[in-house]
Amino acid sequence: MYKKIISFASIIFLLSAVFFSFEGSVVSADQTASTTPTSTLTFGVTLTVSSELSLTCPSSVSMSAISGLTGGTSFSTADCNVKSNDAAGYLLYVKASSTPAMVSVASTSVYFDDYRTSTPEFTWTNNTASSSFGISVSSTGAVSAFRSSGSACGGGATSTYSNCFRSLSTSNINVASASAATVSAGVTTTIGFKAEVGATRNQPTGSYTAGITVTAFNQ
């Protein structure tokens, strides 16, 4: 009887040893499977920034009165600001709604002559027997025609509305440009408007007006 009990205990011990040996192998197998490498994918995210442009100019410009009999000059300016995020920059144009540009409100047959040249001239010149109206430009983006070296227009580092005058036209005149996006504050171009009545002209009284259109384009 004692031998049977020992034999039965031995069988139980052997079965337990086999069970724990098998369980250990199962755990080991699970742990080995969890170390299998994963797949890796790489992709890009794309975004487009659209081109935009903003243009602001005054709604009107008032020039001081000129004596029509004894003559005189009048000068005023308009600040036009361009903001552009276009990498190629912008173009700024000015044109008049009529030829001549400055005409009497009462009758278009009464007017100021357009300034004597369409090519910017360093010094304003007006005949004493005539009246004339023209523009000048001051801007860090002024085109070459409105820049001067200090004595002549058509190139140089200086851009000021005190020099380089020309006539207006009913066709667009390129006055400023940029080849890159502007700073966040934009670029301001000052357009000067000058009128003169010669001392012997005898300009008819009344109100005169010039319709001005300013246009900006992204390049």
N, C-alpha and C. Protein backbone atom coordinates (compact mmCIF):
# COMPACT_ATOMS: atom_id res chain seq x y z
N MET A 1 0.84 -1.21 0.00
CA MET A 1 0.00 0.00 0.00
C MET A 1 0.86 1.24 0.00
N TYR A 2 1.86 1.24 0.80
CA TYR A 2 2.79 2.37 0.90
C TYR A 2 3.49 2.60 -0.42
N LYS A 3 3.86 1.53 -1.10
CA LYS A 3 4.51 1.64 -2.40
C LYS A 3 3.59 2.24 -3.44
N LYS A 4 2.27 1.88 -3.36
CA LYS A 4 1.30 2.43 -4.31
C LYS A 4 1.17 3.92 -4.15
N ILE A 5 1.17 4.35 -2.88
CA ILE A 5 1.05 5.81 -2.63
C ILE A 5 2.25 6.54 -3.19
N ILE A 6 3.44 5.97 -2.99
CA ILE A 6 4.66 6.60 -3.51
C ILE A 6 4.63 6.64 -5.03
N SER A 7 4.18 5.57 -5.63
CA SER A 7 4.11 5.50 -7.09
C SER A 7 3.13 6.53 -7.63
N PHE A 8 1.96 6.67 -6.97
CA PHE A 8 0.96 7.64 -7.41
C PHE A 8 1.49 9.06 -7.29
N ALA A 9 2.22 9.33 -6.21
CA ALA A 9 2.81 10.66 -6.01
C ALA A 9 3.85 10.95 -7.08
N SER A 10 4.58 9.94 -7.45
CA SER A 10 5.59 10.13 -8.49
C SER A 10 4.95 10.48 -9.82
N ILE A 11 3.82 9.83 -10.10
CA ILE A 11 3.11 10.11 -11.35
C ILE A 11 2.62 11.55 -11.36
N ILE A 12 2.05 11.98 -10.22
CA ILE A 12 1.57 13.36 -10.11
C ILE A 12 2.71 14.34 -10.33
N PHE A 13 3.85 14.07 -9.74
CA PHE A 13 5.02 14.95 -9.87
C PHE A 13 5.46 15.04 -11.33
N LEU A 14 5.50 13.90 -12.00
CA LEU A 14 5.92 13.88 -13.39
C LEU A 14 4.96 14.64 -14.28
N LEU A 15 3.64 14.46 -14.03
CA LEU A 15 2.64 15.17 -14.82
C LEU A 15 2.76 16.69 -14.63
N SER A 16 3.01 17.09 -13.35
CA SER A 16 3.17 18.53 -13.06
C SER A 16 4.39 19.09 -13.78
N ALA A 17 5.46 18.36 -13.80
CA ALA A 17 6.68 18.80 -14.46
C ALA A 17 6.46 18.98 -15.95
N VAL A 18 5.74 18.02 -16.54
CA VAL A 18 5.45 18.12 -17.98
C VAL A 18 4.57 19.33 -18.27
N PHE A 19 3.55 19.58 -17.40
CA PHE A 19 2.63 20.70 -17.60
C PHE A 19 3.35 22.04 -17.55
N PHE A 20 4.15 22.22 -16.50
CA PHE A 20 4.87 23.50 -16.38
C PHE A 20 5.91 23.69 -17.46
N SER A 21 6.49 22.61 -17.90
CA SER A 21 7.45 22.70 -19.01
C SER A 21 6.74 23.15 -20.28
N PHE A 22 5.55 22.62 -20.54
CA PHE A 22 4.77 22.98 -21.73
C PHE A 22 4.29 24.42 -21.64
N GLU A 23 3.81 24.84 -20.46
CA GLU A 23 3.32 26.22 -20.28
C GLU A 23 4.45 27.21 -20.50
N GLY A 24 5.62 26.89 -20.02
CA GLY A 24 6.76 27.78 -20.23
C GLY A 24 7.09 27.94 -21.69
N SER A 25 6.95 26.83 -22.43
CA SER A 25 7.24 26.92 -23.86
C SER A 25 6.21 27.77 -24.57
N VAL A 26 4.94 27.75 -24.11
CA VAL A 26 3.89 28.57 -24.71
C VAL A 26 4.15 30.05 -24.46
N VAL A 27 4.50 30.38 -23.23
CA VAL A 27 4.81 31.78 -22.89
C VAL A 27 5.98 32.27 -23.71
N SER A 28 7.00 31.41 -23.82
CA SER A 28 8.18 31.78 -24.59
C SER A 28 7.82 32.03 -26.05
N ALA A 29 6.92 31.20 -26.59
CA ALA A 29 6.51 31.36 -27.98
C ALA A 29 5.76 32.68 -28.17
N ASP A 30 4.86 33.06 -27.24
CA ASP A 30 4.12 34.32 -27.33
C ASP A 30 5.06 35.51 -27.30
N GLN A 31 6.02 35.47 -26.43
CA GLN A 31 6.96 36.58 -26.30
C GLN A 31 7.81 36.73 -27.57
N THR A 32 8.17 35.67 -28.16
CA THR A 32 8.95 35.73 -29.40
C THR A 32 8.13 36.35 -30.53
N ALA A 33 6.84 36.05 -30.63
CA ALA A 33 5.98 36.57 -31.69
C ALA A 33 5.80 38.08 -31.58
N SER A 34 5.81 38.63 -30.38
CA SER A 34 5.57 40.07 -30.18
C SER A 34 6.73 40.94 -30.66
N THR A 35 7.86 40.38 -30.95
CA THR A 35 9.01 41.15 -31.41
C THR A 35 9.11 41.23 -32.93
N THR A 36 8.08 40.77 -33.63
CA THR A 36 8.09 40.82 -35.09
C THR A 36 8.12 42.27 -35.57
N PRO A 37 9.00 42.77 -36.50
CA PRO A 37 9.09 44.16 -36.97
C PRO A 37 7.78 44.63 -37.61
N THR A 38 7.47 45.95 -37.45
CA THR A 38 6.29 46.54 -38.08
C THR A 38 6.68 47.23 -39.39
N SER A 39 5.66 47.52 -40.25
CA SER A 39 5.90 48.22 -41.51
C SER A 39 5.96 49.73 -41.29
N THR A 40 6.76 50.47 -42.08
CA THR A 40 6.89 51.92 -41.97
C THR A 40 6.57 52.57 -43.31
N LEU A 41 5.70 53.63 -43.30
CA LEU A 41 5.34 54.37 -44.50
C LEU A 41 5.66 55.84 -44.30
N THR A 42 6.15 56.50 -45.36
CA THR A 42 6.43 57.94 -45.33
C THR A 42 5.60 58.64 -46.40
N PHE A 43 4.94 59.77 -46.04
CA PHE A 43 4.14 60.52 -47.01
C PHE A 43 4.25 62.01 -46.72
N GLY A 44 3.94 62.85 -47.75
CA GLY A 44 4.02 64.30 -47.60
C GLY A 44 2.63 64.91 -47.47
N VAL A 45 2.57 66.11 -46.88
CA VAL A 45 1.35 66.89 -46.75
C VAL A 45 1.52 68.17 -47.57
N THR A 46 0.65 68.42 -48.55
CA THR A 46 0.80 69.58 -49.43
C THR A 46 -0.22 70.66 -49.11
N LEU A 47 0.15 71.91 -49.40
CA LEU A 47 -0.71 73.07 -49.14
C LEU A 47 -0.41 74.14 -50.19
N THR A 48 -1.43 74.81 -50.69
CA THR A 48 -1.27 75.90 -51.65
C THR A 48 -1.67 77.23 -51.01
N VAL A 49 -0.83 78.24 -51.14
CA VAL A 49 -1.15 79.60 -50.69
C VAL A 49 -1.52 80.42 -51.91
N SER A 50 -2.72 80.97 -51.93
CA SER A 50 -3.21 81.70 -53.09
C SER A 50 -2.64 83.11 -53.15
N SER A 51 -2.62 83.67 -54.36
CA SER A 51 -2.09 85.02 -54.59
C SER A 51 -3.19 86.05 -54.30
N GLU A 52 -2.82 87.10 -53.55
CA GLU A 52 -3.77 88.16 -53.22
C GLU A 52 -3.11 89.53 -53.39
N LEU A 53 -3.95 90.55 -53.51
CA LEU A 53 -3.45 91.92 -53.69
C LEU A 53 -4.45 92.90 -53.11
N SER A 54 -3.92 93.96 -52.49
CA SER A 54 -4.77 95.01 -51.92
C SER A 54 -4.28 96.36 -52.41
N LEU A 55 -5.20 97.24 -52.82
CA LEU A 55 -4.86 98.59 -53.27
C LEU A 55 -5.76 99.59 -52.56
N THR A 56 -5.15 100.58 -51.92
CA THR A 56 -5.91 101.66 -51.28
C THR A 56 -5.39 103.01 -51.76
N CYS A 57 -6.32 103.89 -52.13
CA CYS A 57 -6.03 105.25 -52.57
C CYS A 57 -7.08 106.19 -51.97
N PRO A 58 -6.82 107.48 -51.91
CA PRO A 58 -7.84 108.41 -51.42
C PRO A 58 -9.03 108.45 -52.37
N SER A 59 -10.20 108.77 -51.82
CA SER A 59 -11.40 108.84 -52.65
C SER A 59 -11.41 110.08 -53.54
N SER A 60 -10.66 111.11 -53.15
CA SER A 60 -10.58 112.33 -53.96
C SER A 60 -9.35 113.13 -53.55
N VAL A 61 -8.94 114.02 -54.42
CA VAL A 61 -7.79 114.91 -54.15
C VAL A 61 -8.22 116.34 -54.48
N SER A 62 -8.00 117.26 -53.56
CA SER A 62 -8.34 118.67 -53.78
C SER A 62 -7.07 119.48 -53.99
N MET A 63 -7.08 120.29 -55.03
CA MET A 63 -5.95 121.15 -55.33
C MET A 63 -6.33 122.60 -54.97
N SER A 64 -5.34 123.35 -54.56
CA SER A 64 -5.61 124.74 -54.19
C SER A 64 -5.95 125.58 -55.42
N ALA A 65 -6.66 126.68 -55.21
CA ALA A 65 -7.11 127.54 -56.31
C ALA A 65 -5.94 128.27 -56.96
N ILE A 66 -6.09 128.56 -58.23
CA ILE A 66 -5.09 129.31 -59.01
C ILE A 66 -5.77 130.57 -59.56
N SER A 67 -5.08 131.68 -59.55
CA SER A 67 -5.60 132.91 -60.16
C SER A 67 -5.58 132.75 -61.67
N GLY A 68 -6.73 132.89 -62.29
CA GLY A 68 -6.82 132.66 -63.73
C GLY A 68 -6.25 133.77 -64.57
N LEU A 69 -6.17 134.98 -64.02
CA LEU A 69 -5.68 136.13 -64.81
C LEU A 69 -4.18 136.33 -64.65
N THR A 70 -3.72 136.32 -63.40
CA THR A 70 -2.28 136.55 -63.16
C THR A 70 -1.48 135.25 -63.14
N GLY A 71 -2.18 134.14 -63.08
CA GLY A 71 -1.49 132.85 -63.16
C GLY A 71 -1.01 132.33 -61.81
N GLY A 72 -0.45 131.17 -61.83
CA GLY A 72 0.07 130.53 -60.61
C GLY A 72 0.12 129.03 -60.76
N THR A 73 0.55 128.36 -59.69
CA THR A 73 0.65 126.89 -59.71
C THR A 73 -0.11 126.28 -58.54
N SER A 74 -0.48 125.04 -58.68
CA SER A 74 -1.14 124.28 -57.62
C SER A 74 -0.59 122.87 -57.65
N PHE A 75 -0.35 122.31 -56.48
CA PHE A 75 0.23 120.97 -56.40
C PHE A 75 -0.42 120.20 -55.26
N SER A 76 -0.75 118.95 -55.52
CA SER A 76 -1.31 118.08 -54.48
C SER A 76 -0.87 116.64 -54.75
N THR A 77 -1.05 115.78 -53.76
CA THR A 77 -0.59 114.39 -53.90
C THR A 77 -1.67 113.40 -53.48
N ALA A 78 -1.49 112.17 -53.93
CA ALA A 78 -2.34 111.05 -53.52
C ALA A 78 -1.44 109.87 -53.18
N ASP A 79 -1.63 109.31 -52.00
CA ASP A 79 -0.85 108.14 -51.57
C ASP A 79 -1.64 106.87 -51.86
N CYS A 80 -1.06 106.01 -52.68
CA CYS A 80 -1.69 104.73 -53.01
C CYS A 80 -0.83 103.60 -52.47
N ASN A 81 -1.42 102.74 -51.65
CA ASN A 81 -0.68 101.65 -51.02
C ASN A 81 -1.04 100.31 -51.65
N VAL A 82 -0.01 99.56 -51.99
CA VAL A 82 -0.20 98.22 -52.57
C VAL A 82 0.38 97.18 -51.61
N LYS A 83 -0.44 96.17 -51.32
CA LYS A 83 0.01 95.01 -50.55
C LYS A 83 -0.17 93.78 -51.44
N SER A 84 0.89 93.03 -51.61
CA SER A 84 0.83 91.84 -52.46
C SER A 84 1.66 90.72 -51.85
N ASN A 85 1.12 89.50 -51.85
CA ASN A 85 1.89 88.35 -51.38
C ASN A 85 2.42 87.52 -52.54
N ASP A 86 2.25 88.05 -53.77
CA ASP A 86 2.70 87.30 -54.95
C ASP A 86 4.23 87.29 -55.02
N ALA A 87 4.77 86.11 -55.19
CA ALA A 87 6.23 85.97 -55.22
C ALA A 87 6.86 86.73 -56.38
N ALA A 88 6.07 87.00 -57.44
CA ALA A 88 6.59 87.73 -58.61
C ALA A 88 6.39 89.24 -58.48
N GLY A 89 5.68 89.70 -57.44
CA GLY A 89 5.50 91.13 -57.23
C GLY A 89 4.25 91.69 -57.91
N TYR A 90 4.25 93.01 -58.13
CA TYR A 90 3.07 93.69 -58.66
C TYR A 90 3.45 94.78 -59.66
N LEU A 91 2.45 95.30 -60.37
CA LEU A 91 2.60 96.45 -61.27
C LEU A 91 1.51 97.45 -60.90
N LEU A 92 1.86 98.75 -60.88
CA LEU A 92 0.91 99.80 -60.54
C LEU A 92 0.79 100.76 -61.72
N TYR A 93 -0.46 101.04 -62.14
CA TYR A 93 -0.71 101.88 -63.30
C TYR A 93 -1.62 103.06 -62.94
N VAL A 94 -1.46 104.14 -63.73
CA VAL A 94 -2.32 105.33 -63.59
C VAL A 94 -2.78 105.75 -64.97
N LYS A 95 -4.03 106.17 -65.07
CA LYS A 95 -4.52 106.73 -66.34
C LYS A 95 -5.60 107.76 -66.07
N ALA A 96 -5.87 108.59 -67.07
CA ALA A 96 -6.92 109.61 -66.99
C ALA A 96 -8.15 109.15 -67.76
N SER A 97 -9.29 109.72 -67.41
CA SER A 97 -10.53 109.33 -68.07
C SER A 97 -10.79 110.13 -69.35
N SER A 98 -9.98 111.16 -69.59
CA SER A 98 -10.20 111.97 -70.80
C SER A 98 -8.90 112.59 -71.27
N THR A 99 -8.93 113.09 -72.48
CA THR A 99 -7.83 113.86 -73.05
C THR A 99 -8.40 115.16 -73.61
N PRO A 100 -7.98 116.32 -73.07
CA PRO A 100 -7.06 116.53 -71.95
C PRO A 100 -7.61 115.94 -70.65
N ALA A 101 -6.74 115.78 -69.68
CA ALA A 101 -7.15 115.16 -68.42
C ALA A 101 -7.93 116.11 -67.52
N MET A 102 -7.48 117.35 -67.40
CA MET A 102 -8.11 118.33 -66.51
C MET A 102 -9.04 119.24 -67.32
N VAL A 103 -10.35 119.05 -67.13
CA VAL A 103 -11.33 119.80 -67.92
C VAL A 103 -12.31 120.54 -67.01
N SER A 104 -12.94 121.54 -67.56
CA SER A 104 -13.93 122.32 -66.82
C SER A 104 -15.17 121.47 -66.56
N VAL A 105 -15.73 121.60 -65.36
CA VAL A 105 -16.96 120.89 -65.02
C VAL A 105 -18.12 121.40 -65.89
N ALA A 106 -18.08 122.69 -66.21
CA ALA A 106 -19.17 123.30 -66.98
C ALA A 106 -19.12 122.93 -68.45
N SER A 107 -17.91 122.79 -69.01
CA SER A 107 -17.78 122.50 -70.43
C SER A 107 -16.43 121.87 -70.71
N THR A 108 -16.43 120.71 -71.35
CA THR A 108 -15.18 120.03 -71.65
C THR A 108 -14.36 120.75 -72.72
N SER A 109 -14.95 121.78 -73.32
CA SER A 109 -14.19 122.56 -74.30
C SER A 109 -13.25 123.55 -73.61
N VAL A 110 -13.37 123.67 -72.30
CA VAL A 110 -12.47 124.52 -71.51
C VAL A 110 -11.62 123.58 -70.66
N TYR A 111 -10.31 123.73 -70.73
CA TYR A 111 -9.45 122.74 -70.06
C TYR A 111 -8.04 123.29 -69.82
N PHE A 112 -7.25 122.46 -69.11
CA PHE A 112 -5.81 122.65 -69.00
C PHE A 112 -5.18 121.73 -70.04
N ASP A 113 -4.17 122.21 -70.72
CA ASP A 113 -3.45 121.33 -71.63
C ASP A 113 -2.76 120.22 -70.83
N ASP A 114 -2.67 119.03 -71.43
CA ASP A 114 -1.83 118.00 -70.82
C ASP A 114 -0.38 118.48 -70.87
N TYR A 115 0.40 118.09 -69.84
CA TYR A 115 1.79 118.53 -69.80
C TYR A 115 2.48 118.22 -71.13
N ARG A 116 3.46 118.98 -71.45
CA ARG A 116 4.00 119.03 -72.81
C ARG A 116 4.73 117.76 -73.28
N THR A 117 5.03 116.82 -72.37
CA THR A 117 5.74 115.61 -72.80
C THR A 117 5.20 114.38 -72.09
N SER A 118 5.24 113.25 -72.78
CA SER A 118 4.82 111.98 -72.19
C SER A 118 6.02 111.22 -71.62
N THR A 119 7.21 111.80 -71.78
CA THR A 119 8.42 111.25 -71.18
C THR A 119 8.77 112.13 -69.98
N PRO A 120 8.88 111.56 -68.78
CA PRO A 120 9.15 112.38 -67.60
C PRO A 120 10.30 113.35 -67.80
N GLU A 121 10.05 114.60 -67.45
CA GLU A 121 11.01 115.70 -67.61
C GLU A 121 11.42 116.18 -66.22
N PHE A 122 12.71 116.32 -66.00
CA PHE A 122 13.23 116.59 -64.66
C PHE A 122 12.65 117.88 -64.06
N THR A 123 12.59 118.95 -64.83
CA THR A 123 12.08 120.24 -64.34
C THR A 123 10.77 120.59 -65.02
N TRP A 124 9.78 120.97 -64.22
CA TRP A 124 8.48 121.38 -64.75
C TRP A 124 8.64 122.65 -65.57
N THR A 125 8.10 122.66 -66.77
CA THR A 125 8.19 123.83 -67.64
C THR A 125 6.81 124.15 -68.21
N ASN A 126 6.39 125.41 -68.10
CA ASN A 126 5.09 125.82 -68.63
C ASN A 126 5.24 127.17 -69.32
N ASN A 127 4.71 127.28 -70.51
CA ASN A 127 4.73 128.53 -71.25
C ASN A 127 3.82 129.55 -70.56
N THR A 128 4.24 130.81 -70.51
CA THR A 128 3.45 131.82 -69.82
C THR A 128 2.08 132.04 -70.45
N ALA A 129 1.93 131.65 -71.70
CA ALA A 129 0.66 131.85 -72.40
C ALA A 129 -0.22 130.60 -72.38
N SER A 130 0.14 129.60 -71.60
CA SER A 130 -0.63 128.36 -71.59
C SER A 130 -0.91 127.90 -70.16
N SER A 131 -1.76 126.93 -70.05
CA SER A 131 -2.02 126.26 -68.77
C SER A 131 -1.77 124.77 -68.98
N SER A 132 -1.25 124.10 -67.97
CA SER A 132 -0.94 122.67 -68.16
C SER A 132 -1.15 121.90 -66.87
N PHE A 133 -1.30 120.59 -67.05
CA PHE A 133 -1.57 119.67 -65.93
C PHE A 133 -0.80 118.39 -66.16
N GLY A 134 -0.10 117.92 -65.12
CA GLY A 134 0.69 116.69 -65.26
C GLY A 134 0.90 116.00 -63.94
N ILE A 135 1.64 114.90 -63.98
CA ILE A 135 1.87 114.11 -62.78
C ILE A 135 3.37 113.86 -62.56
N SER A 136 3.69 113.48 -61.33
CA SER A 136 5.03 113.02 -60.95
C SER A 136 4.84 111.86 -59.98
N VAL A 137 5.90 111.15 -59.65
CA VAL A 137 5.79 109.96 -58.81
C VAL A 137 6.93 109.89 -57.81
N SER A 138 6.60 109.48 -56.59
CA SER A 138 7.61 109.22 -55.58
C SER A 138 7.31 107.88 -54.92
N SER A 139 8.25 106.94 -55.00
CA SER A 139 8.02 105.60 -54.44
C SER A 139 9.32 104.80 -54.44
N THR A 140 9.46 103.93 -53.44
CA THR A 140 10.60 103.01 -53.47
C THR A 140 10.46 102.03 -54.64
N GLY A 141 9.23 101.90 -55.15
CA GLY A 141 8.99 101.02 -56.28
C GLY A 141 8.83 101.74 -57.59
N ALA A 142 9.15 103.05 -57.63
CA ALA A 142 8.98 103.83 -58.86
C ALA A 142 9.76 103.20 -60.01
N VAL A 143 9.14 103.16 -61.19
CA VAL A 143 9.82 102.61 -62.36
C VAL A 143 10.92 103.56 -62.80
N SER A 144 11.81 103.06 -63.63
CA SER A 144 13.00 103.81 -64.04
C SER A 144 12.68 105.18 -64.64
N ALA A 145 11.57 105.28 -65.38
CA ALA A 145 11.23 106.53 -66.05
C ALA A 145 11.05 107.68 -65.07
N PHE A 146 10.62 107.38 -63.83
CA PHE A 146 10.39 108.41 -62.82
C PHE A 146 11.54 108.54 -61.83
N ARG A 147 12.65 107.87 -62.10
CA ARG A 147 13.84 107.99 -61.25
C ARG A 147 14.86 108.90 -61.92
N SER A 148 15.68 109.52 -61.10
CA SER A 148 16.68 110.43 -61.66
C SER A 148 18.01 110.28 -60.95
N SER A 149 19.03 110.79 -61.60
CA SER A 149 20.37 110.83 -61.02
C SER A 149 20.63 112.18 -60.38
N GLY A 150 19.62 113.05 -60.39
CA GLY A 150 19.75 114.38 -59.80
C GLY A 150 19.63 115.49 -60.81
N SER A 151 19.64 115.15 -62.08
CA SER A 151 19.52 116.19 -63.11
C SER A 151 18.71 115.75 -64.32
N ALA A 152 18.50 114.44 -64.47
CA ALA A 152 17.74 113.93 -65.62
C ALA A 152 16.97 112.69 -65.20
N CYS A 153 15.81 112.50 -65.80
CA CYS A 153 14.96 111.34 -65.49
C CYS A 153 15.27 110.18 -66.42
N GLY A 154 14.85 109.01 -66.01
CA GLY A 154 15.05 107.84 -66.84
C GLY A 154 16.04 106.87 -66.26
N GLY A 155 16.34 106.99 -64.99
CA GLY A 155 17.29 106.09 -64.33
C GLY A 155 17.95 106.79 -63.16
N GLY A 156 18.46 106.01 -62.24
CA GLY A 156 19.10 106.58 -61.07
C GLY A 156 18.44 106.08 -59.80
N ALA A 157 18.91 106.60 -58.67
CA ALA A 157 18.44 106.11 -57.37
C ALA A 157 17.35 106.96 -56.76
N THR A 158 17.14 108.17 -57.29
CA THR A 158 16.22 109.11 -56.66
C THR A 158 14.84 109.10 -57.30
N SER A 159 13.82 109.08 -56.43
CA SER A 159 12.45 109.17 -56.89
C SER A 159 11.73 110.18 -56.00
N THR A 160 11.35 111.31 -56.56
CA THR A 160 10.67 112.34 -55.80
C THR A 160 9.63 113.04 -56.67
N TYR A 161 8.49 113.39 -56.07
CA TYR A 161 7.44 114.05 -56.85
C TYR A 161 7.77 115.51 -57.14
N SER A 162 8.92 115.98 -56.68
CA SER A 162 9.36 117.34 -57.01
C SER A 162 9.99 117.41 -58.39
N ASN A 163 10.26 116.25 -58.97
CA ASN A 163 10.89 116.19 -60.30
C ASN A 163 10.25 115.10 -61.14
N CYS A 164 10.64 115.05 -62.39
CA CYS A 164 10.19 114.03 -63.34
C CYS A 164 8.67 114.09 -63.56
N PHE A 165 8.25 115.13 -64.29
CA PHE A 165 6.84 115.36 -64.62
C PHE A 165 6.54 114.88 -66.04
N ARG A 166 5.32 114.41 -66.21
CA ARG A 166 4.87 114.00 -67.54
C ARG A 166 3.35 114.22 -67.64
N SER A 167 2.84 114.06 -68.85
CA SER A 167 1.40 114.17 -69.08
C SER A 167 0.70 112.88 -68.69
N LEU A 168 -0.60 112.98 -68.47
CA LEU A 168 -1.42 111.80 -68.28
C LEU A 168 -1.90 111.29 -69.63
N SER A 169 -2.51 110.11 -69.63
CA SER A 169 -3.01 109.50 -70.85
C SER A 169 -4.25 108.68 -70.52
N THR A 170 -5.06 108.40 -71.51
CA THR A 170 -6.20 107.52 -71.29
C THR A 170 -5.77 106.05 -71.33
N SER A 171 -4.50 105.81 -71.64
CA SER A 171 -3.92 104.47 -71.57
C SER A 171 -3.13 104.34 -70.27
N ASN A 172 -3.03 103.13 -69.75
CA ASN A 172 -2.32 102.91 -68.50
C ASN A 172 -0.85 103.31 -68.59
N ILE A 173 -0.39 104.02 -67.56
CA ILE A 173 1.01 104.41 -67.43
C ILE A 173 1.58 103.64 -66.25
N ASN A 174 2.59 102.85 -66.47
CA ASN A 174 3.22 102.11 -65.38
C ASN A 174 4.08 103.06 -64.54
N VAL A 175 3.71 103.24 -63.28
CA VAL A 175 4.43 104.19 -62.43
C VAL A 175 5.26 103.51 -61.34
N ALA A 176 4.91 102.29 -60.97
CA ALA A 176 5.66 101.59 -59.92
C ALA A 176 5.51 100.08 -60.10
N SER A 177 6.46 99.35 -59.52
CA SER A 177 6.42 97.90 -59.62
C SER A 177 7.30 97.28 -58.54
N ALA A 178 7.19 95.96 -58.39
CA ALA A 178 8.05 95.19 -57.50
C ALA A 178 8.19 93.80 -58.09
N SER A 179 9.31 93.14 -57.82
CA SER A 179 9.55 91.81 -58.36
C SER A 179 9.47 90.74 -57.29
N ALA A 180 8.91 91.09 -56.13
CA ALA A 180 8.74 90.14 -55.04
C ALA A 180 7.55 90.59 -54.19
N ALA A 181 7.13 89.75 -53.29
CA ALA A 181 6.03 90.11 -52.40
C ALA A 181 6.42 91.32 -51.56
N THR A 182 5.45 92.16 -51.24
CA THR A 182 5.72 93.35 -50.43
C THR A 182 5.84 92.97 -48.96
N VAL A 183 6.34 93.89 -48.16
CA VAL A 183 6.31 93.72 -46.71
C VAL A 183 4.85 93.76 -46.27
N SER A 184 4.56 93.36 -45.05
CA SER A 184 3.17 93.27 -44.60
C SER A 184 2.46 94.62 -44.63
N ALA A 185 3.21 95.71 -44.45
CA ALA A 185 2.61 97.06 -44.47
C ALA A 185 2.36 97.55 -45.90
N GLY A 186 2.88 96.85 -46.89
CA GLY A 186 2.71 97.26 -48.27
C GLY A 186 3.72 98.31 -48.69
N VAL A 187 3.60 98.77 -49.93
CA VAL A 187 4.47 99.82 -50.48
C VAL A 187 3.58 100.98 -50.93
N THR A 188 3.90 102.17 -50.45
CA THR A 188 3.12 103.36 -50.81
C THR A 188 3.78 104.12 -51.95
N THR A 189 2.99 104.41 -52.97
CA THR A 189 3.43 105.24 -54.10
C THR A 189 2.68 106.56 -54.02
N THR A 190 3.42 107.66 -54.00
CA THR A 190 2.81 108.99 -53.96
C THR A 190 2.77 109.55 -55.37
N ILE A 191 1.57 109.85 -55.84
CA ILE A 191 1.38 110.44 -57.16
C ILE A 191 1.16 111.93 -56.98
N GLY A 192 2.03 112.73 -57.61
CA GLY A 192 1.89 114.17 -57.53
C GLY A 192 1.09 114.71 -58.71
N PHE A 193 0.21 115.66 -58.43
CA PHE A 193 -0.59 116.32 -59.49
C PHE A 193 -0.25 117.80 -59.48
N LYS A 194 0.21 118.29 -60.62
CA LYS A 194 0.60 119.70 -60.70
C LYS A 194 -0.14 120.40 -61.83
N ALA A 195 -0.63 121.60 -61.54
CA ALA A 195 -1.31 122.43 -62.54
C ALA A 195 -0.71 123.82 -62.50
N GLU A 196 -0.60 124.44 -63.65
CA GLU A 196 -0.07 125.81 -63.72
C GLU A 196 -0.82 126.61 -64.78
N VAL A 197 -1.11 127.83 -64.43
CA VAL A 197 -1.69 128.80 -65.37
C VAL A 197 -0.63 129.86 -65.63
N GLY A 198 -0.29 130.05 -66.89
CA GLY A 198 0.72 131.05 -67.24
C GLY A 198 0.22 132.47 -66.97
N ALA A 199 1.17 133.38 -66.78
CA ALA A 199 0.83 134.77 -66.40
C ALA A 199 0.05 135.50 -67.48
N THR A 200 0.13 135.05 -68.71
CA THR A 200 -0.63 135.71 -69.79
C THR A 200 -1.70 134.80 -70.40
N ARG A 201 -2.03 133.72 -69.69
CA ARG A 201 -2.97 132.73 -70.24
C ARG A 201 -4.42 133.20 -70.16
N ASN A 202 -4.82 133.83 -69.06
CA ASN A 202 -6.22 134.24 -68.84
C ASN A 202 -7.15 133.02 -68.88
N GLN A 203 -6.94 132.11 -67.90
CA GLN A 203 -7.72 130.88 -67.82
C GLN A 203 -9.14 131.17 -67.31
N PRO A 204 -10.18 130.69 -68.01
CA PRO A 204 -11.56 130.92 -67.58
C PRO A 204 -11.82 130.40 -66.16
N THR A 205 -12.65 131.12 -65.42
CA THR A 205 -12.97 130.73 -64.05
C THR A 205 -13.85 129.48 -64.04
N GLY A 206 -13.97 128.87 -62.88
CA GLY A 206 -14.84 127.70 -62.72
C GLY A 206 -14.11 126.53 -62.08
N SER A 207 -14.84 125.46 -61.89
CA SER A 207 -14.27 124.24 -61.31
C SER A 207 -13.78 123.32 -62.43
N TYR A 208 -12.64 122.74 -62.18
CA TYR A 208 -12.05 121.80 -63.14
C TYR A 208 -11.85 120.45 -62.44
N THR A 209 -11.89 119.41 -63.21
CA THR A 209 -11.72 118.08 -62.62
C THR A 209 -10.98 117.15 -63.58
N ALA A 210 -10.26 116.19 -63.00
CA ALA A 210 -9.58 115.14 -63.79
C ALA A 210 -9.97 113.80 -63.20
N GLY A 211 -10.51 112.93 -64.02
CA GLY A 211 -10.84 111.58 -63.56
C GLY A 211 -9.60 110.70 -63.62
N ILE A 212 -9.19 110.17 -62.47
CA ILE A 212 -7.96 109.38 -62.38
C ILE A 212 -8.29 107.95 -61.97
N THR A 213 -7.73 107.00 -62.69
CA THR A 213 -7.89 105.57 -62.36
C THR A 213 -6.53 104.98 -62.04
N VAL A 214 -6.43 104.37 -60.86
CA VAL A 214 -5.20 103.68 -60.44
C VAL A 214 -5.49 102.19 -60.38
N THR A 215 -4.64 101.39 -61.00
CA THR A 215 -4.86 99.95 -61.07
C THR A 215 -3.59 99.21 -60.68
N ALA A 216 -3.75 98.15 -59.89
CA ALA A 216 -2.61 97.31 -59.51
C ALA A 216 -2.87 95.88 -59.97
N PHE A 217 -1.81 95.23 -60.46
CA PHE A 217 -1.89 93.84 -60.90
C PHE A 217 -0.78 93.04 -60.25
N ASN A 218 -1.06 91.80 -59.88
CA ASN A 218 0.02 90.89 -59.52
C ASN A 218 0.70 90.43 -60.80
N GLN A 219 2.02 90.31 -60.75
CA GLN A 219 2.75 89.92 -61.95
C GLN A 219 2.62 88.41 -62.20
